[in-house]
Amino acid sequence: MRNVIWIVLLFAAAVVAATTLGSNDGLVSIYWGGWRTDLSLNLFVLVLLAACVLGVSAAHAIARVVSLPRRAGEWRALRRERGAEAALRDALAEFYGARYARARKAAAKALALQDDAPALAGDARFRALAQLLAAASQHRLQDRRGRDAQLQQLLEPAGRRAPGDRGVEEAVRLLAAEWALDDRDAERALALLAALPAGAARRTQALRLKLQAARLARQPLDALHTARLLANHQAFSPVVAQGLLRSLAAEVLDDAHDLQQLQRLWQQFDPAERRDAPVLVRATARAVALGAADEARSWLRPWWERLDELEREDRELVALALFEARRGIGGDWLPRIELAVQNRPREAAVQLAAGGVFVECGLWGKAQPLLEAAAQDPALPAHARRAAWRELAALARRESDEARAADCERAAAAID
């Protein structure tokens, strides 16, 4: 189609030339010294056009010859630039292919070629990517000295970077924190994460790393705060988030060394965590261990008063927690205990808690059938059944019935 168009244009030009120049009788006379030359106007125009074309072609040829060294330099620079980019791509491919020694060499080649490529000489992102690949490869190869040297070079010019290059510094710090965790160096990881800007520190990956570092550094309270943020960001499924928060809350509570510290930590928990039965039970258990059974019972009282509203698992936890905190319980609990037994006559955990409270209050006749029912219920946890048998053994000794006490002790020992 293109050839047809050119042929049509050629015929059109021939028609125009024949129409215009065919009847042109003009004459051009040229005088030079004593000579005179006469040319037809058509010939003069054609010669003039040919001279212009030759002049322009000659000027272009001279310009290309003069610019040849410059164009040769540009070609060599372009070749080096393409070589550096190809080396960086090779480093990426080798790194993701788990060939870390090759990836390090390719990254080093990219850095060397960048120094000779004017177009890439000022490209901070290119250099940072190449250095990050080299550092990551050295980390995989357990070359910590070389890795740290690369990281030091990446972090040194941080204060001189343009605002658009801050992402490079954030990436370096996040990767360095991850590698510090691989080295089990929690303090360095936390220091790197603390140096992040506020926006970057709230990213999910940064929070995940902070959670790992806090747990590694045995800082359960900081880990709990971080886990809350991750749960709010929906970084975990609801079930995983609940289990993680419970586990961290238990670690926080277990670190309390006195009642005042335990109360202070308990007040730092979110209302949702204080309403979680497993967390509450862990707090009461720690209070009992610290000799503060009264405080534990004060935390359990609101739960016991709405025992019928709880799920069966939560009721069992609360009942067992009350059994552990029964020492020194007052008679003001008896109406609540009797009401719970009436409403839940077949739940072994409630029976065990009631039996323990009755024993503590001296109501041994009421306590014995409840404890026997709890001790023989296989649905009750093993440790709770053993505790019920031991309470029965203590009751038998109060009645000077050593044979029955021995039977109860054997029954407790037989529970796996």
Protein backbone atom coordinates (compact mmCIF):
# COMPACT_ATOMS: atom_id res chain seq x y z
CA MET A 1 0.00 0.00 0.00
CA ARG A 2 2.85 2.33 0.77
CA ASN A 3 4.42 1.73 -2.66
CA VAL A 4 1.16 2.54 -4.37
CA ILE A 5 0.94 5.86 -2.51
CA TRP A 6 4.51 6.75 -3.49
CA ILE A 7 3.78 6.00 -7.16
CA VAL A 8 0.68 8.19 -7.07
CA LEU A 9 2.66 11.04 -5.51
CA LEU A 10 5.40 10.65 -8.13
CA PHE A 11 2.88 10.92 -10.97
CA ALA A 12 1.30 13.93 -9.32
CA ALA A 13 4.71 15.64 -9.07
CA ALA A 14 5.40 14.88 -12.75
CA VAL A 15 2.09 16.40 -13.79
CA VAL A 16 2.71 19.53 -11.73
CA ALA A 17 6.26 19.88 -13.10
CA ALA A 18 5.08 19.42 -16.70
CA THR A 19 2.29 21.95 -16.23
CA THR A 20 4.45 24.52 -14.48
CA LEU A 21 7.82 24.18 -16.17
CA GLY A 22 6.73 23.12 -19.65
CA SER A 23 5.65 26.60 -20.72
CA ASN A 24 8.32 28.51 -18.76
CA ASP A 25 10.34 30.61 -21.24
CA GLY A 26 12.37 32.47 -18.62
CA LEU A 27 16.12 33.01 -19.04
CA VAL A 28 18.85 33.51 -16.46
CA SER A 29 22.10 35.29 -17.49
CA ILE A 30 25.20 34.94 -15.37
CA TYR A 31 28.09 37.40 -15.82
CA TRP A 32 31.55 36.51 -14.50
CA GLY A 33 34.50 38.61 -15.55
CA GLY A 34 34.22 38.97 -19.31
CA TRP A 35 32.10 35.90 -19.70
CA ARG A 36 28.37 35.55 -19.97
CA THR A 37 26.41 32.37 -19.49
CA ASP A 38 22.71 32.04 -20.33
CA LEU A 39 20.63 29.34 -18.67
CA SER A 40 16.98 28.55 -18.87
CA LEU A 41 15.05 29.33 -15.74
CA ASN A 42 14.07 25.69 -15.35
CA LEU A 43 17.67 24.52 -15.44
CA PHE A 44 18.74 27.23 -13.03
CA VAL A 45 16.06 26.22 -10.54
CA LEU A 46 17.06 22.56 -10.79
CA VAL A 47 20.76 23.39 -10.35
CA LEU A 48 19.97 25.64 -7.39
CA LEU A 49 17.91 22.91 -5.70
CA ALA A 50 20.64 20.34 -6.33
CA ALA A 51 23.24 22.71 -4.83
CA CYS A 52 21.12 23.23 -1.73
CA VAL A 53 20.64 19.49 -1.28
CA LEU A 54 24.37 18.90 -1.68
CA GLY A 55 25.17 21.68 0.78
CA VAL A 56 22.81 20.35 3.42
CA SER A 57 24.10 16.79 2.93
CA ALA A 58 27.67 17.98 3.23
CA ALA A 59 26.86 19.91 6.44
CA HIS A 60 25.20 16.83 7.95
CA ALA A 61 28.16 14.64 6.96
CA ILE A 62 30.63 17.05 8.51
CA ALA A 63 28.53 17.28 11.70
CA ARG A 64 28.39 13.49 12.00
CA VAL A 65 32.13 13.20 11.49
CA VAL A 66 32.82 15.93 14.07
CA SER A 67 30.39 14.35 16.61
CA LEU A 68 31.74 10.85 16.10
CA PRO A 69 33.91 10.85 19.29
CA ARG A 70 30.99 12.13 21.35
CA ARG A 71 28.59 9.55 19.93
CA ALA A 72 31.15 6.82 20.48
CA GLY A 73 31.42 7.88 24.14
CA GLU A 74 27.61 7.88 24.47
CA TRP A 75 27.46 4.41 22.94
CA ARG A 76 30.07 3.11 25.36
CA ALA A 77 28.20 4.73 28.31
CA LEU A 78 24.93 3.21 27.13
CA ARG A 79 26.60 -0.16 26.85
CA ARG A 80 27.94 0.12 30.40
CA GLU A 81 24.53 1.25 31.65
CA ARG A 82 22.83 -1.72 30.02
CA GLY A 83 25.53 -4.01 31.37
CA ALA A 84 24.98 -2.69 34.90
CA GLU A 85 21.21 -3.16 34.63
CA ALA A 86 21.70 -6.66 33.24
CA ALA A 87 24.05 -7.50 36.13
CA LEU A 88 21.44 -6.26 38.63
CA ARG A 89 18.76 -8.39 36.99
CA ASP A 90 21.12 -11.38 37.11
CA ALA A 91 21.74 -10.74 40.80
CA LEU A 92 17.99 -10.76 41.47
CA ALA A 93 17.49 -13.96 39.50
CA GLU A 94 20.42 -15.71 41.20
CA PHE A 95 19.29 -14.58 44.66
CA TYR A 96 15.76 -15.88 44.22
CA GLY A 97 17.23 -19.03 42.74
CA ALA A 98 19.15 -19.58 46.02
CA ARG A 99 22.54 -19.19 44.30
CA TYR A 100 23.81 -16.64 46.76
CA ALA A 101 27.49 -16.66 45.83
CA ARG A 102 26.60 -15.88 42.21
CA ALA A 103 24.13 -13.24 43.34
CA ARG A 104 26.83 -11.51 45.37
CA LYS A 105 29.23 -11.50 42.43
CA ALA A 106 26.54 -10.17 40.08
CA ALA A 107 25.66 -7.40 42.55
CA ALA A 108 29.34 -6.47 42.87
CA LYS A 109 29.61 -6.36 39.08
CA ALA A 110 26.57 -4.08 38.90
CA LEU A 111 28.17 -1.71 41.41
CA ALA A 112 31.44 -1.68 39.50
CA LEU A 113 29.69 -0.96 36.20
CA GLN A 114 27.62 1.78 37.82
CA ASP A 115 30.75 3.72 38.69
CA ASP A 116 31.71 3.78 35.00
CA ALA A 117 28.20 4.65 33.74
CA PRO A 118 27.54 8.42 33.93
CA ALA A 119 23.78 7.91 33.64
CA LEU A 120 23.78 5.67 36.73
CA ALA A 121 26.49 7.40 38.73
CA GLY A 122 23.97 9.50 40.67
CA ASP A 123 21.25 6.85 40.88
CA ALA A 124 21.07 6.20 44.63
CA ARG A 125 18.26 3.66 44.29
CA PHE A 126 20.25 1.52 41.85
CA ARG A 127 23.24 1.47 44.19
CA ALA A 128 21.06 0.76 47.21
CA LEU A 129 19.32 -2.17 45.48
CA ALA A 130 22.64 -3.65 44.41
CA GLN A 131 24.08 -3.26 47.91
CA LEU A 132 20.95 -4.74 49.49
CA LEU A 133 21.21 -7.75 47.19
CA ALA A 134 24.86 -8.14 48.07
CA ALA A 135 24.11 -7.84 51.80
CA ALA A 136 21.21 -10.29 51.57
CA SER A 137 23.42 -12.80 49.75
CA GLN A 138 26.15 -12.40 52.36
CA HIS A 139 23.59 -12.91 55.11
CA ARG A 140 22.50 -16.18 53.51
CA LEU A 141 26.14 -17.20 53.26
CA GLN A 142 26.69 -16.39 56.96
CA ASP A 143 29.17 -13.66 56.04
CA ARG A 144 28.11 -11.29 58.82
CA ARG A 145 31.15 -9.04 58.54
CA GLY A 146 30.60 -8.36 54.85
CA ARG A 147 26.86 -7.96 55.39
CA ASP A 148 27.38 -5.42 58.19
CA ALA A 149 29.86 -3.49 56.06
CA GLN A 150 27.28 -3.20 53.28
CA LEU A 151 24.62 -2.09 55.77
CA GLN A 152 26.96 0.53 57.20
CA GLN A 153 27.54 1.97 53.73
CA LEU A 154 23.79 2.05 53.13
CA LEU A 155 22.99 3.81 56.40
CA GLU A 156 25.84 6.35 56.38
CA PRO A 157 24.39 8.78 53.78
CA ALA A 158 20.89 8.57 55.28
CA GLY A 159 20.94 12.18 56.41
CA ARG A 160 21.86 13.44 52.92
CA ARG A 161 19.18 11.58 51.00
CA ALA A 162 16.40 13.35 49.18
CA PRO A 163 12.92 12.97 50.69
CA GLY A 164 11.96 10.64 47.84
CA ASP A 165 14.78 8.25 48.79
CA ARG A 166 13.67 7.77 52.41
CA GLY A 167 12.10 4.52 51.34
CA VAL A 168 15.59 3.12 50.77
CA GLU A 169 16.59 3.82 54.37
CA GLU A 170 13.35 2.27 55.66
CA ALA A 171 13.94 -0.85 53.56
CA VAL A 172 17.51 -1.11 54.85
CA ARG A 173 16.42 -0.83 58.48
CA LEU A 174 13.62 -3.36 58.08
CA LEU A 175 15.91 -5.88 56.43
CA ALA A 176 18.65 -5.24 58.97
CA ALA A 177 16.16 -5.82 61.80
CA GLU A 178 15.03 -9.08 60.21
CA TRP A 179 18.64 -10.25 59.88
CA ALA A 180 19.34 -9.25 63.50
CA LEU A 181 16.45 -11.48 64.56
CA ASP A 182 17.96 -14.31 62.54
CA ASP A 183 21.15 -13.72 64.55
CA ARG A 184 19.11 -13.77 67.81
CA ASP A 185 20.19 -10.18 68.49
CA ALA A 186 16.98 -8.69 69.86
CA GLU A 187 18.56 -5.45 71.13
CA ARG A 188 19.93 -4.53 67.70
CA ALA A 189 16.61 -5.37 66.05
CA LEU A 190 14.70 -3.17 68.50
CA ALA A 191 17.19 -0.32 68.00
CA LEU A 192 16.81 -0.49 64.22
CA LEU A 193 13.03 -0.56 64.45
CA ALA A 194 13.01 2.35 66.90
CA ALA A 195 14.91 4.46 64.35
CA LEU A 196 12.13 4.07 61.76
CA PRO A 197 9.81 7.03 61.08
CA ALA A 198 6.43 6.87 62.77
CA GLY A 199 4.61 5.90 59.58
CA ALA A 200 7.00 3.09 58.72
CA ALA A 201 7.00 1.79 62.30
CA ARG A 202 3.24 1.19 62.07
CA ARG A 203 3.49 -1.02 59.00
CA THR A 204 2.50 -4.62 59.45
CA GLN A 205 5.96 -5.98 58.66
CA ALA A 206 7.61 -3.60 61.12
CA LEU A 207 5.12 -4.60 63.82
CA ARG A 208 5.70 -8.29 63.13
CA LEU A 209 9.45 -7.80 63.53
CA LYS A 210 8.94 -5.76 66.69
CA LEU A 211 6.75 -8.52 68.14
CA GLN A 212 9.42 -11.14 67.45
CA ALA A 213 12.15 -8.92 68.89
CA ALA A 214 10.16 -8.14 72.03
CA ARG A 215 9.45 -11.81 72.66
CA LEU A 216 13.10 -12.67 72.03
CA ALA A 217 14.19 -9.93 74.44
CA ARG A 218 11.71 -11.24 77.04
CA GLN A 219 9.66 -8.04 77.06
CA PRO A 220 6.15 -9.51 77.17
CA LEU A 221 4.38 -6.23 77.91
CA ASP A 222 5.83 -4.54 74.80
CA ALA A 223 5.06 -7.70 72.84
CA LEU A 224 1.47 -7.56 74.07
CA HIS A 225 1.05 -3.93 72.97
CA THR A 226 2.50 -4.79 69.56
CA ALA A 227 0.28 -7.84 69.20
CA ARG A 228 -2.76 -5.66 69.89
CA LEU A 229 -1.77 -3.36 67.01
CA LEU A 230 -1.27 -6.35 64.71
CA ALA A 231 -4.66 -7.72 65.71
CA ASN A 232 -6.22 -4.33 64.92
CA HIS A 233 -4.49 -4.41 61.52
CA GLN A 234 -5.98 -7.91 60.98
CA ALA A 235 -2.51 -9.36 60.58
CA PHE A 236 -3.74 -12.62 62.12
CA SER A 237 -6.91 -14.60 61.94
CA PRO A 238 -9.25 -13.99 64.92
CA VAL A 239 -8.45 -17.38 66.45
CA VAL A 240 -4.68 -16.91 66.15
CA ALA A 241 -4.89 -13.35 67.46
CA GLN A 242 -6.89 -14.46 70.49
CA GLY A 243 -4.47 -17.27 71.29
CA LEU A 244 -1.44 -15.00 70.88
CA LEU A 245 -2.89 -12.25 73.07
CA ARG A 246 -3.77 -14.78 75.76
CA SER A 247 -0.29 -16.26 75.68
CA LEU A 248 1.39 -12.86 75.93
CA ALA A 249 -0.96 -11.75 78.68
CA ALA A 250 -0.03 -14.88 80.63
CA GLU A 251 3.67 -14.09 80.21
CA VAL A 252 3.09 -10.53 81.42
CA LEU A 253 1.21 -11.74 84.49
CA ASP A 254 3.79 -14.40 85.29
CA ASP A 255 6.49 -11.71 85.37
CA ALA A 256 4.79 -9.93 88.30
CA HIS A 257 6.91 -10.26 91.45
CA ASP A 258 4.53 -8.69 93.96
CA LEU A 259 0.88 -7.77 94.31
CA GLN A 260 1.41 -4.08 93.51
CA GLN A 261 3.13 -4.89 90.24
CA LEU A 262 0.41 -7.42 89.40
CA GLN A 263 -2.33 -4.85 90.04
CA ARG A 264 -0.50 -2.27 87.92
CA LEU A 265 -0.11 -4.72 85.05
CA TRP A 266 -3.75 -5.77 85.33
CA GLN A 267 -4.87 -2.16 84.96
CA GLN A 268 -2.76 -1.80 81.81
CA PHE A 269 -4.70 -4.55 80.07
CA ASP A 270 -7.45 -3.62 77.64
CA PRO A 271 -11.03 -4.01 78.91
CA ALA A 272 -11.52 -6.82 76.38
CA GLU A 273 -8.54 -8.68 77.83
CA ARG A 274 -9.78 -8.23 81.39
CA ARG A 275 -13.11 -9.68 80.26
CA ASP A 276 -11.41 -12.75 78.79
CA ALA A 277 -11.88 -15.69 81.18
CA PRO A 278 -8.48 -17.41 80.51
CA VAL A 279 -6.64 -14.13 81.13
CA LEU A 280 -8.62 -13.49 84.30
CA VAL A 281 -7.93 -16.99 85.57
CA ARG A 282 -4.20 -16.56 84.91
CA ALA A 283 -4.25 -13.28 86.85
CA THR A 284 -6.03 -14.86 89.81
CA ALA A 285 -3.63 -17.81 89.79
CA ARG A 286 -0.70 -15.39 89.95
CA ALA A 287 -2.37 -13.47 92.76
CA VAL A 288 -2.86 -16.70 94.72
CA ALA A 289 0.78 -17.60 94.13
CA LEU A 290 1.77 -14.20 95.55
CA GLY A 291 -0.35 -14.83 98.65
CA ALA A 292 -3.15 -12.45 97.66
CA ALA A 293 -6.16 -14.78 97.54
CA ASP A 294 -8.46 -11.95 98.66
CA GLU A 295 -7.47 -9.90 95.61
CA ALA A 296 -8.00 -12.91 93.36
CA ARG A 297 -11.50 -13.46 94.76
CA SER A 298 -12.34 -9.78 94.26
CA TRP A 299 -11.51 -10.20 90.56
CA LEU A 300 -13.57 -13.40 90.39
CA ARG A 301 -16.63 -12.04 92.21
CA PRO A 302 -18.23 -10.23 89.20
CA TRP A 303 -17.77 -13.34 87.08
CA TRP A 304 -19.25 -15.63 89.69
CA GLU A 305 -22.30 -13.39 90.06
CA ARG A 306 -23.09 -13.81 86.35
CA LEU A 307 -21.97 -17.42 86.12
CA ASP A 308 -25.12 -18.47 84.24
CA GLU A 309 -24.30 -16.05 81.41
CA LEU A 310 -20.91 -17.65 80.68
CA GLU A 311 -20.11 -20.43 78.28
CA ARG A 312 -19.47 -23.83 79.83
CA GLU A 313 -15.69 -23.63 79.29
CA ASP A 314 -15.52 -20.19 80.90
CA ARG A 315 -17.65 -21.38 83.83
CA GLU A 316 -15.26 -24.26 84.37
CA LEU A 317 -12.25 -21.93 84.34
CA VAL A 318 -13.85 -19.50 86.79
CA ALA A 319 -14.95 -22.32 89.11
CA LEU A 320 -11.50 -23.91 89.17
CA ALA A 321 -9.94 -20.50 89.78
CA LEU A 322 -12.22 -19.96 92.76
CA PHE A 323 -11.25 -23.38 94.10
CA GLU A 324 -7.58 -22.36 93.97
CA ALA A 325 -8.37 -19.03 95.70
CA ARG A 326 -10.56 -20.53 98.44
CA ARG A 327 -8.06 -20.12 101.28
CA GLY A 328 -9.41 -17.58 103.76
CA ILE A 329 -12.75 -17.16 102.00
CA GLY A 330 -15.51 -15.60 104.10
CA GLY A 331 -19.06 -16.59 104.77
CA ASP A 332 -20.35 -13.84 102.48
CA TRP A 333 -19.59 -16.17 99.56
CA LEU A 334 -21.86 -18.99 100.83
CA PRO A 335 -25.14 -17.69 99.35
CA ARG A 336 -23.50 -17.29 95.95
CA ILE A 337 -21.96 -20.76 96.15
CA GLU A 338 -25.24 -22.44 97.13
CA LEU A 339 -27.10 -20.66 94.35
CA ALA A 340 -24.50 -21.81 91.80
CA VAL A 341 -24.80 -25.43 92.98
CA GLN A 342 -28.58 -25.25 92.68
CA ASN A 343 -28.40 -23.83 89.15
CA ARG A 344 -25.57 -26.12 87.96
CA PRO A 345 -25.96 -29.34 89.93
CA ARG A 346 -24.21 -31.56 87.36
CA GLU A 347 -21.17 -29.45 86.49
CA ALA A 348 -18.13 -30.97 88.19
CA ALA A 349 -16.12 -27.75 88.24
CA VAL A 350 -18.88 -25.90 90.12
CA GLN A 351 -19.22 -28.83 92.51
CA LEU A 352 -15.47 -28.83 93.16
CA ALA A 353 -15.40 -25.08 93.84
CA ALA A 354 -18.42 -25.34 96.14
CA GLY A 355 -16.92 -28.30 97.99
CA GLY A 356 -13.65 -26.47 98.51
CA VAL A 357 -15.44 -23.36 99.82
CA PHE A 358 -17.60 -25.44 102.16
CA VAL A 359 -14.50 -27.16 103.54
CA GLU A 360 -12.85 -23.80 104.10
CA CYS A 361 -15.96 -22.56 105.93
CA GLY A 362 -16.18 -25.71 108.05
CA LEU A 363 -19.29 -27.16 106.36
CA TRP A 364 -17.76 -30.61 105.93
CA GLY A 365 -21.03 -32.46 105.60
CA LYS A 366 -22.06 -30.33 102.63
CA ALA A 367 -18.60 -30.51 101.10
CA GLN A 368 -18.10 -34.28 101.02
CA PRO A 369 -20.79 -35.31 98.46
CA LEU A 370 -19.82 -32.45 96.17
CA LEU A 371 -16.15 -33.36 96.29
CA GLU A 372 -16.91 -37.05 95.69
CA ALA A 373 -19.01 -36.20 92.64
CA ALA A 374 -16.28 -33.94 91.26
CA ALA A 375 -13.51 -36.47 91.91
CA GLN A 376 -15.34 -39.20 90.00
CA ASP A 377 -16.28 -37.05 86.98
CA PRO A 378 -13.93 -37.91 84.05
CA ALA A 379 -14.79 -34.63 82.32
CA LEU A 380 -12.93 -32.69 84.97
CA PRO A 381 -9.21 -32.01 84.36
CA ALA A 382 -6.83 -34.46 86.00
CA HIS A 383 -5.25 -31.93 88.35
CA ALA A 384 -8.68 -30.86 89.59
CA ARG A 385 -9.76 -34.45 90.25
CA ARG A 386 -6.54 -35.11 92.18
CA ALA A 387 -7.20 -31.99 94.26
CA ALA A 388 -10.73 -33.25 95.01
CA TRP A 389 -9.40 -36.62 96.20
CA ARG A 390 -6.85 -34.91 98.41
CA GLU A 391 -9.56 -32.75 99.97
CA LEU A 392 -11.54 -35.91 100.65
CA ALA A 393 -8.46 -37.46 102.23
CA ALA A 394 -8.10 -34.41 104.48
CA LEU A 395 -11.75 -34.69 105.50
CA ALA A 396 -11.25 -38.40 106.33
CA ARG A 397 -8.27 -37.56 108.53
CA ARG A 398 -10.34 -34.99 110.40
CA GLU A 399 -12.72 -37.84 111.18
CA SER A 400 -9.74 -40.09 112.09
CA ASP A 401 -10.60 -42.46 109.24
CA GLU A 402 -7.08 -43.28 108.04
CA ALA A 403 -8.25 -46.18 105.86
CA ARG A 404 -10.55 -43.96 103.81
CA ALA A 405 -7.87 -41.27 103.68
CA ALA A 406 -5.41 -43.81 102.28
CA ASP A 407 -7.95 -44.91 99.69
CA CYS A 408 -8.45 -41.30 98.62
CA GLU A 409 -4.71 -40.74 98.35
CA ARG A 410 -4.35 -43.86 96.20
CA ALA A 411 -7.21 -42.69 93.99
CA ALA A 412 -5.48 -39.33 93.56
CA ALA A 413 -2.16 -40.98 92.70
CA ALA A 414 -3.83 -43.26 90.15
CA ILE A 415 -5.05 -40.33 88.03
CA ASP A 416 -2.75 -39.78 85.04
